[in-house]
Amino acid sequence: MKDQQLACAPFASVEGQDYFSAMNCAANTAFANRQVITHQIRKAFATVFGWPAEEMGMELVYDVAHNIAKVERYSEGELVVHRKGSTRALGPGSPDLSPRYRMTGQPVICGGSMETGSYLLVGTEGAVRDTFASTMHGSGRTMSRAQAKKAARGEQIQKQMKQRGILVKAVSMSGLAEEAGFAYKNISEVVEAVDRAGITKTVAELRPIGNIKG
C-alpha cells in the first residue's frame, strides 16, 4: 500500500508551486496572527500600568515560523529547505542574515518545557555544512498530550511550580497537564548534544518565572 504521507511533486510544477504558495500563505497568516496577539498584549500592559507600550520597551525580540519552506542557496545549489519542528541556524557571514547578526551567526531560541526553561543559541558554519543551516526548535516530547494528562493533574503541577517560584496561568487545568515538564526531554541534554555536534553554540540558559498556557 502506498504511503499517502510520502506524496511529492516537482517544485517547478503547477502542483509544486501551488503547494509552496499555500505554505507561504499559511506562514504569513501565522506571522500576522502573532502581530495581533503582540498588539493586544501591549494594550493590556498599557492599561494595567498606565504607560504607553513604547515607553515600557515592549519590542518584539524574536519571531520564527514552526513550519515553513524557504528557497536557499548552498554548495549543492539552490534548494528548497522545509523546516518543520526545526529552526534556521545560519552561521557567521551568511548574506541572508541581517547586518546586526552577520558577525555572530543567527540567534536561535530553543524552547524546553514551562518548568525547565529555554536556551539561547547561535548558528554555526557547521550547521550550514551539515544540516542545511537547521537545528532543533525545542526539546521534544517524551509522551503524548493524552498520556501526560493521565499522568498528572494540572492543579498539582500549578501548585508545585508556584512552590518553585514559577507562576503559570492556563485556560484549563487539563491543558496545563499536557505541558508538564516530565512530558518533555531534558532540554539541557538536547542543547549539549547539538553544541557538541557543532550545529549550534550555547549562549545563555533562560529560566522561567512565569508562563501563560493558551
N, C-alpha and C. Protein backbone atom coordinates (compact mmCIF):
# COMPACT_ATOMS: atom_id res chain seq x y z
N MET A 1 0.84 -1.20 0.00
CA MET A 1 0.00 0.00 0.00
C MET A 1 0.88 1.25 0.00
N LYS A 2 0.52 2.22 -0.84
CA LYS A 2 1.29 3.45 -0.91
C LYS A 2 1.06 4.31 0.33
N ASP A 3 2.11 4.94 0.80
CA ASP A 3 2.02 5.83 1.96
C ASP A 3 1.62 7.23 1.48
N GLN A 4 0.43 7.66 1.84
CA GLN A 4 -0.06 8.96 1.40
C GLN A 4 0.77 10.12 1.94
N GLN A 5 1.50 9.87 3.03
CA GLN A 5 2.32 10.92 3.61
C GLN A 5 3.58 11.20 2.79
N LEU A 6 3.89 10.32 1.84
CA LEU A 6 5.10 10.47 1.06
C LEU A 6 4.83 11.04 -0.34
N ALA A 7 3.65 11.59 -0.54
CA ALA A 7 3.34 12.20 -1.83
C ALA A 7 4.25 13.39 -2.08
N CYS A 8 4.64 13.60 -3.35
CA CYS A 8 5.52 14.72 -3.68
C CYS A 8 5.21 15.22 -5.09
N ALA A 9 5.76 16.37 -5.41
CA ALA A 9 5.58 16.95 -6.73
C ALA A 9 6.82 17.78 -7.06
N PRO A 10 7.24 17.83 -8.32
CA PRO A 10 8.38 18.68 -8.70
C PRO A 10 8.11 20.13 -8.31
N PHE A 11 9.13 20.79 -7.78
CA PHE A 11 8.94 22.15 -7.28
C PHE A 11 8.48 23.11 -8.37
N ALA A 12 8.98 22.92 -9.58
CA ALA A 12 8.65 23.83 -10.68
C ALA A 12 7.30 23.53 -11.32
N SER A 13 6.66 22.44 -10.90
CA SER A 13 5.37 22.09 -11.50
C SER A 13 4.26 22.98 -10.95
N VAL A 14 3.12 22.96 -11.62
CA VAL A 14 1.97 23.73 -11.14
C VAL A 14 1.58 23.30 -9.74
N GLU A 15 1.56 21.98 -9.51
CA GLU A 15 1.20 21.45 -8.18
C GLU A 15 2.22 21.87 -7.13
N GLY A 16 3.51 21.81 -7.51
CA GLY A 16 4.55 22.20 -6.56
C GLY A 16 4.48 23.66 -6.18
N GLN A 17 4.24 24.50 -7.16
CA GLN A 17 4.15 25.93 -6.90
C GLN A 17 2.88 26.29 -6.13
N ASP A 18 1.79 25.58 -6.41
CA ASP A 18 0.54 25.80 -5.66
C ASP A 18 0.75 25.44 -4.19
N TYR A 19 1.45 24.33 -3.95
CA TYR A 19 1.70 23.91 -2.57
C TYR A 19 2.60 24.91 -1.86
N PHE A 20 3.66 25.34 -2.54
CA PHE A 20 4.59 26.30 -1.95
C PHE A 20 3.88 27.62 -1.65
N SER A 21 3.02 28.06 -2.54
CA SER A 21 2.26 29.29 -2.33
C SER A 21 1.32 29.15 -1.14
N ALA A 22 0.70 27.98 -1.00
CA ALA A 22 -0.20 27.74 0.13
C ALA A 22 0.56 27.77 1.45
N MET A 23 1.78 27.21 1.45
CA MET A 23 2.61 27.25 2.66
C MET A 23 2.99 28.69 3.01
N ASN A 24 3.32 29.48 1.99
CA ASN A 24 3.65 30.88 2.24
C ASN A 24 2.47 31.64 2.82
N CYS A 25 1.28 31.35 2.31
CA CYS A 25 0.07 32.00 2.83
C CYS A 25 -0.15 31.61 4.29
N ALA A 26 0.06 30.34 4.60
CA ALA A 26 -0.11 29.87 5.98
C ALA A 26 0.90 30.55 6.91
N ALA A 27 2.15 30.67 6.45
CA ALA A 27 3.17 31.32 7.27
C ALA A 27 2.85 32.80 7.47
N ASN A 28 2.40 33.46 6.43
CA ASN A 28 2.03 34.88 6.55
C ASN A 28 0.87 35.06 7.52
N THR A 29 -0.11 34.15 7.47
CA THR A 29 -1.24 34.21 8.40
C THR A 29 -0.76 34.06 9.84
N ALA A 30 0.19 33.14 10.06
CA ALA A 30 0.72 32.92 11.40
C ALA A 30 1.48 34.14 11.91
N PHE A 31 2.30 34.73 11.04
CA PHE A 31 3.04 35.93 11.44
C PHE A 31 2.07 37.07 11.77
N ALA A 32 1.04 37.25 10.93
CA ALA A 32 0.06 38.30 11.18
C ALA A 32 -0.70 38.05 12.48
N ASN A 33 -1.03 36.79 12.74
CA ASN A 33 -1.75 36.44 13.96
C ASN A 33 -0.92 36.78 15.20
N ARG A 34 0.38 36.49 15.14
CA ARG A 34 1.25 36.80 16.28
C ARG A 34 1.41 38.31 16.46
N GLN A 35 1.35 39.06 15.36
CA GLN A 35 1.41 40.51 15.47
C GLN A 35 0.18 41.04 16.21
N VAL A 36 -0.98 40.46 15.90
CA VAL A 36 -2.22 40.87 16.58
C VAL A 36 -2.14 40.53 18.06
N ILE A 37 -1.64 39.33 18.38
CA ILE A 37 -1.50 38.92 19.78
C ILE A 37 -0.55 39.86 20.51
N THR A 38 0.57 40.20 19.87
CA THR A 38 1.54 41.12 20.47
C THR A 38 0.91 42.48 20.74
N HIS A 39 0.12 42.96 19.79
CA HIS A 39 -0.55 44.26 19.96
C HIS A 39 -1.50 44.23 21.16
N GLN A 40 -2.26 43.15 21.28
CA GLN A 40 -3.20 43.03 22.40
C GLN A 40 -2.47 42.94 23.75
N ILE A 41 -1.33 42.27 23.76
CA ILE A 41 -0.53 42.20 24.99
C ILE A 41 -0.04 43.59 25.38
N ARG A 42 0.44 44.35 24.40
CA ARG A 42 0.90 45.71 24.68
C ARG A 42 -0.23 46.56 25.23
N LYS A 43 -1.42 46.43 24.66
CA LYS A 43 -2.58 47.19 25.14
C LYS A 43 -2.91 46.82 26.58
N ALA A 44 -2.83 45.53 26.90
CA ALA A 44 -3.13 45.08 28.26
C ALA A 44 -2.14 45.66 29.26
N PHE A 45 -0.85 45.64 28.92
CA PHE A 45 0.17 46.20 29.80
C PHE A 45 -0.02 47.70 29.97
N ALA A 46 -0.35 48.38 28.87
CA ALA A 46 -0.55 49.83 28.94
C ALA A 46 -1.74 50.17 29.83
N THR A 47 -2.78 49.35 29.77
CA THR A 47 -3.96 49.58 30.60
C THR A 47 -3.66 49.38 32.07
N VAL A 48 -2.94 48.31 32.38
CA VAL A 48 -2.65 47.97 33.78
C VAL A 48 -1.65 48.96 34.40
N PHE A 49 -0.58 49.29 33.66
CA PHE A 49 0.48 50.13 34.22
C PHE A 49 0.31 51.61 33.93
N GLY A 50 -0.62 51.94 33.02
CA GLY A 50 -0.86 53.34 32.73
C GLY A 50 0.24 54.03 31.94
N TRP A 51 1.08 53.26 31.25
CA TRP A 51 2.16 53.79 30.43
C TRP A 51 1.99 53.28 28.99
N PRO A 52 2.40 54.07 28.00
CA PRO A 52 2.40 53.58 26.61
C PRO A 52 3.38 52.41 26.48
N ALA A 53 3.04 51.45 25.66
CA ALA A 53 3.90 50.28 25.48
C ALA A 53 5.29 50.68 25.00
N GLU A 54 5.37 51.75 24.19
CA GLU A 54 6.67 52.18 23.67
C GLU A 54 7.60 52.61 24.80
N GLU A 55 7.04 53.26 25.82
CA GLU A 55 7.86 53.73 26.94
C GLU A 55 8.30 52.58 27.85
N MET A 56 7.58 51.46 27.78
CA MET A 56 7.95 50.30 28.59
C MET A 56 8.91 49.38 27.85
N GLY A 57 9.30 49.75 26.65
CA GLY A 57 10.26 48.95 25.89
C GLY A 57 9.72 47.61 25.44
N MET A 58 8.42 47.55 25.15
CA MET A 58 7.82 46.28 24.75
C MET A 58 8.00 46.05 23.24
N GLU A 59 9.22 45.73 22.86
CA GLU A 59 9.55 45.49 21.47
C GLU A 59 9.62 43.99 21.19
N LEU A 60 9.31 43.62 19.97
CA LEU A 60 9.41 42.23 19.56
C LEU A 60 10.87 41.80 19.54
N VAL A 61 11.19 40.70 20.21
CA VAL A 61 12.56 40.23 20.28
C VAL A 61 12.83 39.12 19.27
N TYR A 62 11.87 38.23 19.11
CA TYR A 62 12.11 37.02 18.31
C TYR A 62 10.79 36.51 17.77
N ASP A 63 10.77 36.16 16.50
CA ASP A 63 9.57 35.59 15.88
C ASP A 63 10.01 34.61 14.81
N VAL A 64 9.55 33.39 14.87
CA VAL A 64 10.01 32.37 13.93
C VAL A 64 8.85 31.43 13.58
N ALA A 65 8.84 30.95 12.37
CA ALA A 65 7.81 30.01 11.93
C ALA A 65 8.15 28.60 12.39
N HIS A 66 7.13 27.86 12.77
CA HIS A 66 7.32 26.47 13.22
C HIS A 66 7.34 25.52 12.04
N ASN A 67 6.73 25.89 10.94
CA ASN A 67 6.62 25.03 9.77
C ASN A 67 6.70 25.89 8.53
N ILE A 68 7.83 25.88 7.84
CA ILE A 68 8.00 26.78 6.70
C ILE A 68 9.04 26.21 5.73
N ALA A 69 8.85 26.49 4.45
CA ALA A 69 9.81 26.09 3.43
C ALA A 69 10.39 27.35 2.80
N LYS A 70 11.71 27.35 2.60
CA LYS A 70 12.38 28.51 2.01
C LYS A 70 13.35 28.05 0.93
N VAL A 71 13.47 28.88 -0.11
CA VAL A 71 14.44 28.62 -1.16
C VAL A 71 15.76 29.25 -0.74
N GLU A 72 16.80 28.43 -0.57
CA GLU A 72 18.10 28.90 -0.08
C GLU A 72 19.22 28.31 -0.93
N ARG A 73 20.36 28.99 -0.94
CA ARG A 73 21.49 28.55 -1.75
C ARG A 73 22.59 27.97 -0.86
N TYR A 74 23.05 26.76 -1.24
CA TYR A 74 24.14 26.09 -0.55
C TYR A 74 25.15 25.61 -1.59
N SER A 75 26.20 24.96 -1.12
CA SER A 75 27.23 24.49 -2.05
C SER A 75 26.65 23.48 -3.04
N GLU A 76 25.57 22.79 -2.65
CA GLU A 76 24.93 21.82 -3.54
C GLU A 76 24.07 22.49 -4.61
N GLY A 77 23.79 23.78 -4.42
CA GLY A 77 22.95 24.51 -5.36
C GLY A 77 21.78 25.18 -4.65
N GLU A 78 20.82 25.63 -5.43
CA GLU A 78 19.62 26.27 -4.87
C GLU A 78 18.64 25.18 -4.45
N LEU A 79 18.27 25.19 -3.18
CA LEU A 79 17.45 24.11 -2.61
C LEU A 79 16.23 24.67 -1.91
N VAL A 80 15.19 23.84 -1.83
CA VAL A 80 14.02 24.16 -1.01
C VAL A 80 14.22 23.46 0.33
N VAL A 81 14.40 24.23 1.39
CA VAL A 81 14.62 23.66 2.72
C VAL A 81 13.33 23.80 3.51
N HIS A 82 12.75 22.66 3.86
CA HIS A 82 11.49 22.65 4.63
C HIS A 82 11.82 22.34 6.08
N ARG A 83 11.57 23.30 6.95
CA ARG A 83 11.83 23.12 8.37
C ARG A 83 10.51 22.97 9.11
N LYS A 84 10.28 21.79 9.64
CA LYS A 84 9.08 21.53 10.44
C LYS A 84 9.54 21.00 11.79
N GLY A 85 9.30 21.78 12.83
CA GLY A 85 9.82 21.39 14.13
C GLY A 85 11.32 21.62 14.21
N SER A 86 11.83 22.50 13.37
CA SER A 86 13.24 22.86 13.43
C SER A 86 13.37 24.36 13.18
N THR A 87 14.55 24.90 13.41
CA THR A 87 14.77 26.34 13.31
C THR A 87 16.01 26.61 12.46
N ARG A 88 15.96 27.66 11.67
CA ARG A 88 17.11 28.02 10.85
C ARG A 88 18.23 28.52 11.75
N ALA A 89 19.45 28.12 11.42
CA ALA A 89 20.62 28.47 12.24
C ALA A 89 21.78 28.82 11.32
N LEU A 90 21.65 29.92 10.60
CA LEU A 90 22.70 30.36 9.69
C LEU A 90 23.96 30.74 10.46
N GLY A 91 25.11 30.44 9.87
CA GLY A 91 26.37 30.73 10.53
C GLY A 91 26.87 32.13 10.26
N PRO A 92 27.96 32.53 10.91
CA PRO A 92 28.53 33.87 10.72
C PRO A 92 28.88 34.11 9.25
N GLY A 93 28.65 35.35 8.80
CA GLY A 93 29.00 35.72 7.44
C GLY A 93 27.94 35.42 6.40
N SER A 94 26.84 34.78 6.80
CA SER A 94 25.80 34.45 5.82
C SER A 94 25.16 35.71 5.26
N PRO A 95 25.04 35.83 3.94
CA PRO A 95 24.43 37.02 3.33
C PRO A 95 22.93 37.11 3.61
N ASP A 96 22.32 36.00 4.04
CA ASP A 96 20.88 36.01 4.34
C ASP A 96 20.58 36.58 5.72
N LEU A 97 21.62 36.83 6.52
CA LEU A 97 21.43 37.40 7.84
C LEU A 97 21.41 38.92 7.76
N SER A 98 20.69 39.54 8.68
CA SER A 98 20.72 40.99 8.76
C SER A 98 22.12 41.42 9.23
N PRO A 99 22.54 42.62 8.88
CA PRO A 99 23.89 43.09 9.29
C PRO A 99 24.13 42.97 10.78
N ARG A 100 23.07 43.05 11.56
CA ARG A 100 23.20 43.01 13.01
C ARG A 100 23.76 41.68 13.49
N TYR A 101 23.45 40.60 12.78
CA TYR A 101 23.86 39.27 13.24
C TYR A 101 24.86 38.59 12.31
N ARG A 102 25.35 39.32 11.31
CA ARG A 102 26.21 38.70 10.31
C ARG A 102 27.56 38.28 10.89
N MET A 103 28.01 38.97 11.92
CA MET A 103 29.30 38.63 12.53
C MET A 103 29.18 37.46 13.51
N THR A 104 28.03 37.33 14.14
CA THR A 104 27.88 36.33 15.21
C THR A 104 27.23 35.04 14.75
N GLY A 105 26.37 35.11 13.73
CA GLY A 105 25.55 33.97 13.37
C GLY A 105 24.12 34.21 13.84
N GLN A 106 23.20 33.41 13.34
CA GLN A 106 21.79 33.63 13.63
C GLN A 106 21.42 33.23 15.05
N PRO A 107 20.74 34.11 15.79
CA PRO A 107 20.28 33.74 17.13
C PRO A 107 19.15 32.71 17.04
N VAL A 108 19.17 31.75 17.94
CA VAL A 108 18.18 30.68 17.97
C VAL A 108 17.65 30.52 19.38
N ILE A 109 16.35 30.59 19.55
CA ILE A 109 15.76 30.31 20.86
C ILE A 109 15.23 28.89 20.83
N CYS A 110 15.74 28.05 21.72
CA CYS A 110 15.34 26.65 21.80
C CYS A 110 14.47 26.47 23.03
N GLY A 111 13.22 26.19 22.82
CA GLY A 111 12.28 26.06 23.94
C GLY A 111 12.35 24.70 24.62
N GLY A 112 12.30 24.72 25.93
CA GLY A 112 12.20 23.49 26.70
C GLY A 112 10.76 23.33 27.15
N SER A 113 10.55 23.06 28.41
CA SER A 113 9.19 22.99 28.95
C SER A 113 8.95 24.21 29.84
N MET A 114 7.71 24.39 30.26
CA MET A 114 7.37 25.54 31.10
C MET A 114 8.02 25.42 32.48
N GLU A 115 8.51 24.23 32.82
CA GLU A 115 9.15 24.04 34.11
C GLU A 115 10.68 24.15 34.05
N THR A 116 11.25 23.80 32.89
CA THR A 116 12.71 23.74 32.82
C THR A 116 13.35 24.94 32.13
N GLY A 117 12.57 25.71 31.39
CA GLY A 117 13.14 26.89 30.74
C GLY A 117 13.58 26.63 29.32
N SER A 118 14.39 27.55 28.78
CA SER A 118 14.81 27.51 27.39
C SER A 118 16.28 27.92 27.28
N TYR A 119 16.79 27.91 26.04
CA TYR A 119 18.17 28.30 25.80
C TYR A 119 18.27 29.26 24.62
N LEU A 120 19.23 30.15 24.69
CA LEU A 120 19.58 30.99 23.57
C LEU A 120 20.83 30.41 22.94
N LEU A 121 20.76 30.12 21.64
CA LEU A 121 21.87 29.52 20.91
C LEU A 121 22.24 30.43 19.74
N VAL A 122 23.30 30.05 19.03
CA VAL A 122 23.68 30.81 17.84
C VAL A 122 24.10 29.83 16.75
N GLY A 123 23.73 30.13 15.50
CA GLY A 123 24.05 29.27 14.39
C GLY A 123 25.54 29.23 14.08
N THR A 124 25.97 28.19 13.38
CA THR A 124 27.39 27.99 13.09
C THR A 124 27.60 27.62 11.61
N GLU A 125 28.86 27.68 11.19
CA GLU A 125 29.21 27.23 9.85
C GLU A 125 28.99 25.72 9.73
N GLY A 126 29.12 25.01 10.86
CA GLY A 126 28.89 23.57 10.85
C GLY A 126 27.46 23.22 10.50
N ALA A 127 26.52 24.04 10.98
CA ALA A 127 25.12 23.80 10.66
C ALA A 127 24.87 24.01 9.17
N VAL A 128 25.49 25.03 8.61
CA VAL A 128 25.34 25.30 7.17
C VAL A 128 25.88 24.13 6.37
N ARG A 129 26.98 23.56 6.82
CA ARG A 129 27.63 22.47 6.10
C ARG A 129 26.91 21.14 6.28
N ASP A 130 26.44 20.85 7.50
CA ASP A 130 25.94 19.50 7.82
C ASP A 130 24.42 19.37 7.83
N THR A 131 23.69 20.43 8.14
CA THR A 131 22.24 20.29 8.31
C THR A 131 21.46 21.34 7.53
N PHE A 132 22.06 21.89 6.47
CA PHE A 132 21.41 22.96 5.71
C PHE A 132 20.93 24.07 6.64
N ALA A 133 21.82 24.47 7.54
CA ALA A 133 21.59 25.59 8.48
C ALA A 133 20.34 25.39 9.32
N SER A 134 20.17 24.19 9.85
CA SER A 134 18.99 23.89 10.66
C SER A 134 19.39 23.29 12.00
N THR A 135 18.60 23.59 13.01
CA THR A 135 18.78 22.97 14.32
C THR A 135 17.41 22.74 14.93
N MET A 136 17.37 22.11 16.10
CA MET A 136 16.07 21.81 16.71
C MET A 136 15.40 23.10 17.18
N HIS A 137 14.07 23.08 17.30
CA HIS A 137 13.36 24.26 17.78
C HIS A 137 12.95 24.11 19.25
N GLY A 138 13.14 22.90 19.79
CA GLY A 138 12.77 22.67 21.18
C GLY A 138 13.27 21.32 21.65
N SER A 139 12.97 21.00 22.88
CA SER A 139 13.49 19.76 23.46
C SER A 139 12.78 18.53 22.92
N GLY A 140 11.52 18.64 22.54
CA GLY A 140 10.79 17.48 22.03
C GLY A 140 10.09 16.72 23.15
N ARG A 141 8.96 16.14 22.84
CA ARG A 141 8.16 15.43 23.84
C ARG A 141 8.65 14.01 24.05
N THR A 142 8.43 13.51 25.26
CA THR A 142 8.69 12.10 25.56
C THR A 142 7.40 11.31 25.65
N MET A 143 6.29 12.00 25.73
CA MET A 143 4.98 11.34 25.76
C MET A 143 3.94 12.26 25.13
N SER A 144 2.85 11.67 24.69
CA SER A 144 1.79 12.44 24.04
C SER A 144 1.05 13.30 25.06
N ARG A 145 0.28 14.25 24.56
CA ARG A 145 -0.52 15.09 25.45
C ARG A 145 -1.54 14.27 26.23
N ALA A 146 -2.12 13.28 25.57
CA ALA A 146 -3.10 12.41 26.24
C ALA A 146 -2.45 11.64 27.38
N GLN A 147 -1.23 11.14 27.15
CA GLN A 147 -0.52 10.41 28.20
C GLN A 147 -0.17 11.33 29.37
N ALA A 148 0.25 12.55 29.05
CA ALA A 148 0.61 13.49 30.11
C ALA A 148 -0.59 13.81 30.99
N LYS A 149 -1.77 13.96 30.40
CA LYS A 149 -2.97 14.28 31.17
C LYS A 149 -3.36 13.13 32.10
N LYS A 150 -3.02 11.91 31.69
CA LYS A 150 -3.32 10.76 32.55
C LYS A 150 -2.32 10.64 33.70
N ALA A 151 -1.12 11.18 33.50
CA ALA A 151 -0.04 11.01 34.47
C ALA A 151 -0.06 12.05 35.59
N ALA A 152 -0.71 13.19 35.38
CA ALA A 152 -0.70 14.25 36.40
C ALA A 152 -1.91 15.16 36.24
N ARG A 153 -2.23 15.87 37.30
CA ARG A 153 -3.33 16.83 37.29
C ARG A 153 -2.76 18.25 37.20
N GLY A 154 -3.44 19.09 36.44
CA GLY A 154 -2.98 20.45 36.25
C GLY A 154 -2.86 21.23 37.54
N GLU A 155 -3.82 21.04 38.44
CA GLU A 155 -3.79 21.77 39.72
C GLU A 155 -2.54 21.42 40.52
N GLN A 156 -2.17 20.15 40.48
CA GLN A 156 -0.98 19.70 41.21
C GLN A 156 0.29 20.33 40.62
N ILE A 157 0.37 20.34 39.29
CA ILE A 157 1.53 20.92 38.62
C ILE A 157 1.63 22.41 38.92
N GLN A 158 0.50 23.11 38.88
CA GLN A 158 0.49 24.55 39.15
C GLN A 158 0.98 24.84 40.57
N LYS A 159 0.55 24.04 41.52
CA LYS A 159 0.96 24.24 42.91
C LYS A 159 2.45 23.98 43.08
N GLN A 160 2.95 22.92 42.48
CA GLN A 160 4.36 22.58 42.59
C GLN A 160 5.24 23.66 41.95
N MET A 161 4.79 24.18 40.82
CA MET A 161 5.56 25.22 40.14
C MET A 161 5.59 26.50 40.97
N LYS A 162 4.49 26.84 41.59
CA LYS A 162 4.43 28.03 42.44
C LYS A 162 5.40 27.92 43.59
N GLN A 163 5.51 26.72 44.16
CA GLN A 163 6.45 26.50 45.27
C GLN A 163 7.89 26.69 44.82
N ARG A 164 8.15 26.51 43.54
CA ARG A 164 9.50 26.69 42.99
C ARG A 164 9.69 28.10 42.44
N GLY A 165 8.71 28.97 42.64
CA GLY A 165 8.84 30.35 42.19
C GLY A 165 8.48 30.57 40.75
N ILE A 166 7.72 29.65 40.14
CA ILE A 166 7.30 29.77 38.75
C ILE A 166 5.79 29.91 38.69
N LEU A 167 5.32 31.05 38.24
CA LEU A 167 3.88 31.28 38.13
C LEU A 167 3.37 30.81 36.78
N VAL A 168 2.18 30.26 36.75
CA VAL A 168 1.60 29.78 35.49
C VAL A 168 0.10 30.04 35.49
N LYS A 169 -0.39 30.51 34.36
CA LYS A 169 -1.82 30.75 34.17
C LYS A 169 -2.26 30.00 32.93
N ALA A 170 -3.34 29.22 33.06
CA ALA A 170 -3.80 28.41 31.93
C ALA A 170 -5.30 28.55 31.75
N VAL A 171 -5.75 28.36 30.52
CA VAL A 171 -7.18 28.40 30.23
C VAL A 171 -7.88 27.26 30.93
N SER A 172 -7.23 26.09 30.97
CA SER A 172 -7.80 24.92 31.63
C SER A 172 -6.69 24.14 32.33
N MET A 173 -7.05 23.41 33.36
CA MET A 173 -6.07 22.60 34.07
C MET A 173 -5.66 21.37 33.27
N SER A 174 -6.56 20.86 32.42
CA SER A 174 -6.19 19.72 31.58
C SER A 174 -5.15 20.16 30.55
N GLY A 175 -5.31 21.38 30.04
CA GLY A 175 -4.33 21.92 29.11
C GLY A 175 -2.99 22.12 29.77
N LEU A 176 -3.00 22.48 31.05
CA LEU A 176 -1.76 22.65 31.80
C LEU A 176 -1.04 21.32 31.97
N ALA A 177 -1.81 20.27 32.25
CA ALA A 177 -1.22 18.94 32.43
C ALA A 177 -0.52 18.46 31.17
N GLU A 178 -1.02 18.87 30.00
CA GLU A 178 -0.39 18.47 28.74
C GLU A 178 1.06 18.93 28.63
N GLU A 179 1.36 20.05 29.30
CA GLU A 179 2.68 20.66 29.17
C GLU A 179 3.59 20.39 30.37
N ALA A 180 3.28 19.38 31.14
CA ALA A 180 4.10 19.05 32.31
C ALA A 180 5.55 18.82 31.91
N GLY A 181 6.47 19.22 32.77
CA GLY A 181 7.89 19.10 32.47
C GLY A 181 8.33 17.69 32.15
N PHE A 182 7.76 16.68 32.84
CA PHE A 182 8.19 15.30 32.61
C PHE A 182 7.76 14.79 31.24
N ALA A 183 6.88 15.51 30.55
CA ALA A 183 6.42 15.09 29.22
C ALA A 183 7.40 15.50 28.13
N TYR A 184 8.50 16.15 28.52
CA TYR A 184 9.49 16.62 27.55
C TYR A 184 10.87 16.05 27.87
N LYS A 185 11.72 16.01 26.85
CA LYS A 185 13.11 15.59 27.05
C LYS A 185 13.85 16.63 27.89
N ASN A 186 14.97 16.23 28.44
CA ASN A 186 15.81 17.15 29.21
C ASN A 186 16.42 18.17 28.25
N ILE A 187 15.99 19.42 28.33
CA ILE A 187 16.42 20.44 27.39
C ILE A 187 17.93 20.66 27.44
N SER A 188 18.52 20.56 28.62
CA SER A 188 19.96 20.77 28.75
C SER A 188 20.75 19.71 27.99
N GLU A 189 20.28 18.46 28.03
CA GLU A 189 20.95 17.39 27.32
C GLU A 189 20.83 17.56 25.81
N VAL A 190 19.66 18.00 25.35
CA VAL A 190 19.44 18.21 23.92
C VAL A 190 20.34 19.34 23.41
N VAL A 191 20.41 20.43 24.17
CA VAL A 191 21.25 21.56 23.78
C VAL A 191 22.72 21.16 23.78
N GLU A 192 23.14 20.39 24.76
CA GLU A 192 24.53 19.94 24.82
C GLU A 192 24.88 19.08 23.60
N ALA A 193 23.90 18.27 23.14
CA ALA A 193 24.14 17.39 22.00
C ALA A 193 24.41 18.19 20.73
N VAL A 194 23.59 19.21 20.47
CA VAL A 194 23.81 19.99 19.24
C VAL A 194 25.04 20.89 19.37
N ASP A 195 25.36 21.28 20.60
CA ASP A 195 26.57 22.07 20.82
C ASP A 195 27.81 21.23 20.51
N ARG A 196 27.84 20.01 21.03
CA ARG A 196 28.98 19.13 20.78
C ARG A 196 29.09 18.76 19.31
N ALA A 197 27.93 18.68 18.64
CA ALA A 197 27.93 18.34 17.22
C ALA A 197 28.36 19.51 16.36
N GLY A 198 28.46 20.69 16.97
CA GLY A 198 28.89 21.88 16.23
C GLY A 198 27.80 22.49 15.38
N ILE A 199 26.54 22.12 15.64
CA ILE A 199 25.43 22.65 14.85
C ILE A 199 25.03 24.04 15.36
N THR A 200 24.95 24.18 16.66
CA THR A 200 24.72 25.49 17.28
C THR A 200 25.58 25.58 18.54
N LYS A 201 25.89 26.81 18.94
CA LYS A 201 26.67 27.03 20.15
C LYS A 201 25.78 27.68 21.20
N THR A 202 25.97 27.24 22.44
CA THR A 202 25.16 27.75 23.55
C THR A 202 25.61 29.14 23.96
N VAL A 203 24.65 30.04 24.12
CA VAL A 203 24.94 31.41 24.55
C VAL A 203 24.48 31.62 25.98
N ALA A 204 23.22 31.26 26.29
CA ALA A 204 22.69 31.50 27.63
C ALA A 204 21.54 30.56 27.93
N GLU A 205 21.38 30.24 29.21
CA GLU A 205 20.24 29.47 29.68
C GLU A 205 19.17 30.44 30.21
N LEU A 206 17.92 30.22 29.83
CA LEU A 206 16.82 31.08 30.27
C LEU A 206 15.93 30.28 31.23
N ARG A 207 15.77 30.79 32.44
CA ARG A 207 14.96 30.08 33.43
C ARG A 207 13.59 30.75 33.58
N PRO A 208 12.53 29.95 33.69
CA PRO A 208 11.18 30.51 33.71
C PRO A 208 10.80 31.12 35.05
N ILE A 209 10.04 32.21 34.98
CA ILE A 209 9.44 32.80 36.18
C ILE A 209 7.93 32.94 36.01
N GLY A 210 7.45 32.85 34.76
CA GLY A 210 6.04 32.95 34.51
C GLY A 210 5.67 32.30 33.18
N ASN A 211 4.50 31.68 33.11
CA ASN A 211 4.04 31.01 31.90
C ASN A 211 2.57 31.34 31.66
N ILE A 212 2.20 31.46 30.41
CA ILE A 212 0.79 31.59 30.02
C ILE A 212 0.50 30.49 29.02
N LYS A 213 -0.41 29.60 29.38
CA LYS A 213 -0.79 28.48 28.51
C LYS A 213 -2.15 28.78 27.90
N GLY A 214 -2.17 29.01 26.57
CA GLY A 214 -3.41 29.35 25.87
C GLY A 214 -4.28 28.16 25.62
